[in-house]
Amino acid sequence: QVQLVESGGGLVQAGGSPRLSCAASGPAFSSYAVGWFRQAPGKERDFVAAISWSAGNTYYIDSVKGRFTISRDNAKNTVYLQMNSLKPEDTAVYYCAAAQIWVPTATVEYNYWGQGTQVTVSS
């Protein structure tokens, strides 16, 4: 059983650059792909970015390409989401999730989820 805990959210001004962390515990976390998702108020949870187990592959939605960077440190069992040039429309609860296969945007393939961290971007 993999357990995930997100951190790093908070209130940020537009243009800010927070870094979210997803700390994992449990066996063989380094063998999982990890995705970041977000859910804005009144909206569905959407995929944002993902990274494969070896960090050899990454995938982003168009609206964050060039602004967000996903990375991982398997020695620390942690995945990061560096967010730059934040916009008010990035306001959401951000979740990390782990999947045993590489199908980055397929929410149903993610077996384990964190509790989420709120990111609020003020204009």
Protein backbone atom coordinates (compact mmCIF):
# COMPACT_ATOMS: atom_id res chain seq x y z
CA GLN A 1 0.00 0.00 0.00
CA VAL A 2 1.45 3.35 -1.06
CA GLN A 3 0.55 6.43 0.96
CA LEU A 4 0.98 9.89 -0.48
CA VAL A 5 1.12 13.24 1.29
CA GLU A 6 1.17 16.55 -0.58
CA SER A 7 2.62 19.76 0.78
CA GLY A 8 3.73 23.17 -0.42
CA GLY A 9 0.41 24.78 -1.19
CA GLY A 10 -0.89 28.06 0.15
CA LEU A 11 -1.78 31.57 -0.90
CA VAL A 12 0.45 32.83 -3.70
CA GLN A 13 0.44 36.03 -5.71
CA ALA A 14 0.03 35.83 -9.45
CA GLY A 15 3.43 35.25 -11.01
CA GLY A 16 4.64 33.33 -7.97
CA SER A 17 6.64 30.09 -8.04
CA PRO A 18 5.72 27.60 -5.34
CA ARG A 19 6.91 24.01 -5.36
CA LEU A 20 4.58 21.23 -4.39
CA SER A 21 5.92 18.02 -2.90
CA CYS A 22 4.40 14.56 -2.88
CA ALA A 23 6.03 12.39 -0.24
CA ALA A 24 5.40 8.67 -0.47
CA SER A 25 5.66 5.80 1.89
CA GLY A 26 5.21 2.15 1.10
CA PRO A 27 6.92 -0.50 -0.97
CA ALA A 28 8.46 0.04 -4.37
CA PHE A 29 7.34 3.64 -4.84
CA SER A 30 10.13 4.09 -7.35
CA SER A 31 8.35 1.64 -9.64
CA TYR A 32 5.22 3.82 -9.87
CA ALA A 33 4.41 6.57 -12.29
CA VAL A 34 3.15 9.66 -10.50
CA GLY A 35 0.69 12.24 -11.67
CA TRP A 36 -0.46 15.61 -10.43
CA PHE A 37 -4.12 16.51 -10.75
CA ARG A 38 -6.09 19.56 -9.70
CA GLN A 39 -9.68 20.35 -8.84
CA ALA A 40 -11.00 23.88 -8.93
CA PRO A 41 -14.18 24.82 -7.04
CA GLY A 42 -17.25 23.44 -8.77
CA LYS A 43 -15.20 21.60 -11.39
CA GLU A 44 -14.03 18.06 -11.97
CA ARG A 45 -10.59 16.83 -11.07
CA ASP A 46 -8.27 17.29 -14.05
CA PHE A 47 -4.91 15.89 -14.99
CA VAL A 48 -1.99 18.35 -14.88
CA ALA A 49 1.31 16.49 -15.29
CA ALA A 50 2.89 13.07 -14.86
CA ILE A 51 6.29 11.46 -14.61
CA SER A 52 7.28 7.88 -15.26
CA TRP A 53 8.97 5.69 -12.68
CA SER A 54 12.46 6.40 -14.01
CA ALA A 55 11.73 10.07 -14.81
CA GLY A 56 12.49 9.22 -18.42
CA ASN A 57 9.06 10.39 -19.51
CA THR A 58 7.00 13.40 -18.53
CA TYR A 59 3.70 14.69 -19.80
CA TYR A 60 1.90 18.01 -19.31
CA ILE A 61 -1.36 19.58 -20.26
CA ASP A 62 -0.94 22.43 -22.71
CA SER A 63 -1.95 25.14 -20.27
CA VAL A 64 1.01 24.43 -17.95
CA LYS A 65 3.71 23.57 -20.48
CA GLY A 66 6.65 25.87 -20.02
CA ARG A 67 5.40 26.98 -16.58
CA PHE A 68 5.26 23.76 -14.53
CA THR A 69 7.97 21.14 -14.16
CA ILE A 70 7.47 17.71 -12.66
CA SER A 71 10.44 15.83 -11.23
CA ARG A 72 11.17 13.06 -8.78
CA ASP A 73 13.83 11.95 -6.35
CA ASN A 74 13.38 8.23 -5.85
CA ALA A 75 16.01 8.17 -3.11
CA LYS A 76 13.72 10.47 -1.11
CA ASN A 77 10.47 8.87 -2.30
CA THR A 78 9.29 12.32 -3.36
CA VAL A 79 7.83 13.83 -6.50
CA TYR A 80 7.81 17.58 -7.05
CA LEU A 81 5.76 20.00 -9.07
CA GLN A 82 7.57 23.28 -9.62
CA MET A 83 5.00 25.87 -10.62
CA ASN A 84 6.15 29.14 -12.16
CA SER A 85 4.28 32.18 -13.45
CA LEU A 86 1.15 31.21 -11.59
CA LYS A 87 -2.18 32.59 -12.78
CA PRO A 88 -5.47 32.95 -10.90
CA GLU A 89 -6.90 30.14 -13.02
CA ASP A 90 -4.33 27.78 -11.48
CA THR A 91 -6.22 28.06 -8.19
CA ALA A 92 -7.28 24.56 -7.15
CA VAL A 93 -6.68 21.70 -4.79
CA TYR A 94 -3.69 19.81 -6.14
CA TYR A 95 -3.47 16.04 -5.71
CA CYS A 96 -0.71 13.60 -6.46
CA ALA A 97 -1.44 10.01 -7.39
CA ALA A 98 0.53 6.87 -8.18
CA ALA A 99 -0.02 4.39 -11.00
CA GLN A 100 1.64 1.10 -11.83
CA ILE A 101 1.45 1.67 -15.56
CA TRP A 102 2.33 4.61 -17.79
CA VAL A 103 -0.95 6.00 -19.05
CA PRO A 104 -0.46 9.53 -17.77
CA THR A 105 -3.87 11.08 -18.34
CA ALA A 106 -5.99 8.04 -17.43
CA THR A 107 -7.33 8.88 -13.97
CA VAL A 108 -8.73 5.39 -13.48
CA GLU A 109 -5.23 3.91 -13.67
CA TYR A 110 -4.03 5.75 -10.60
CA ASN A 111 -4.32 3.42 -7.64
CA TYR A 112 -3.24 5.67 -4.79
CA TRP A 113 -4.11 9.29 -4.04
CA GLY A 114 -3.02 11.91 -1.57
CA GLN A 115 -5.37 14.15 0.37
CA GLY A 116 -4.56 17.25 -1.66
CA THR A 117 -3.04 20.64 -1.00
CA GLN A 118 -4.77 23.94 -1.72
CA VAL A 119 -3.11 26.45 -4.01
CA THR A 120 -4.79 29.85 -4.19
CA VAL A 121 -3.44 32.42 -6.61
CA SER A 122 -4.37 36.03 -5.93
CA SER A 123 -4.39 38.56 -8.73
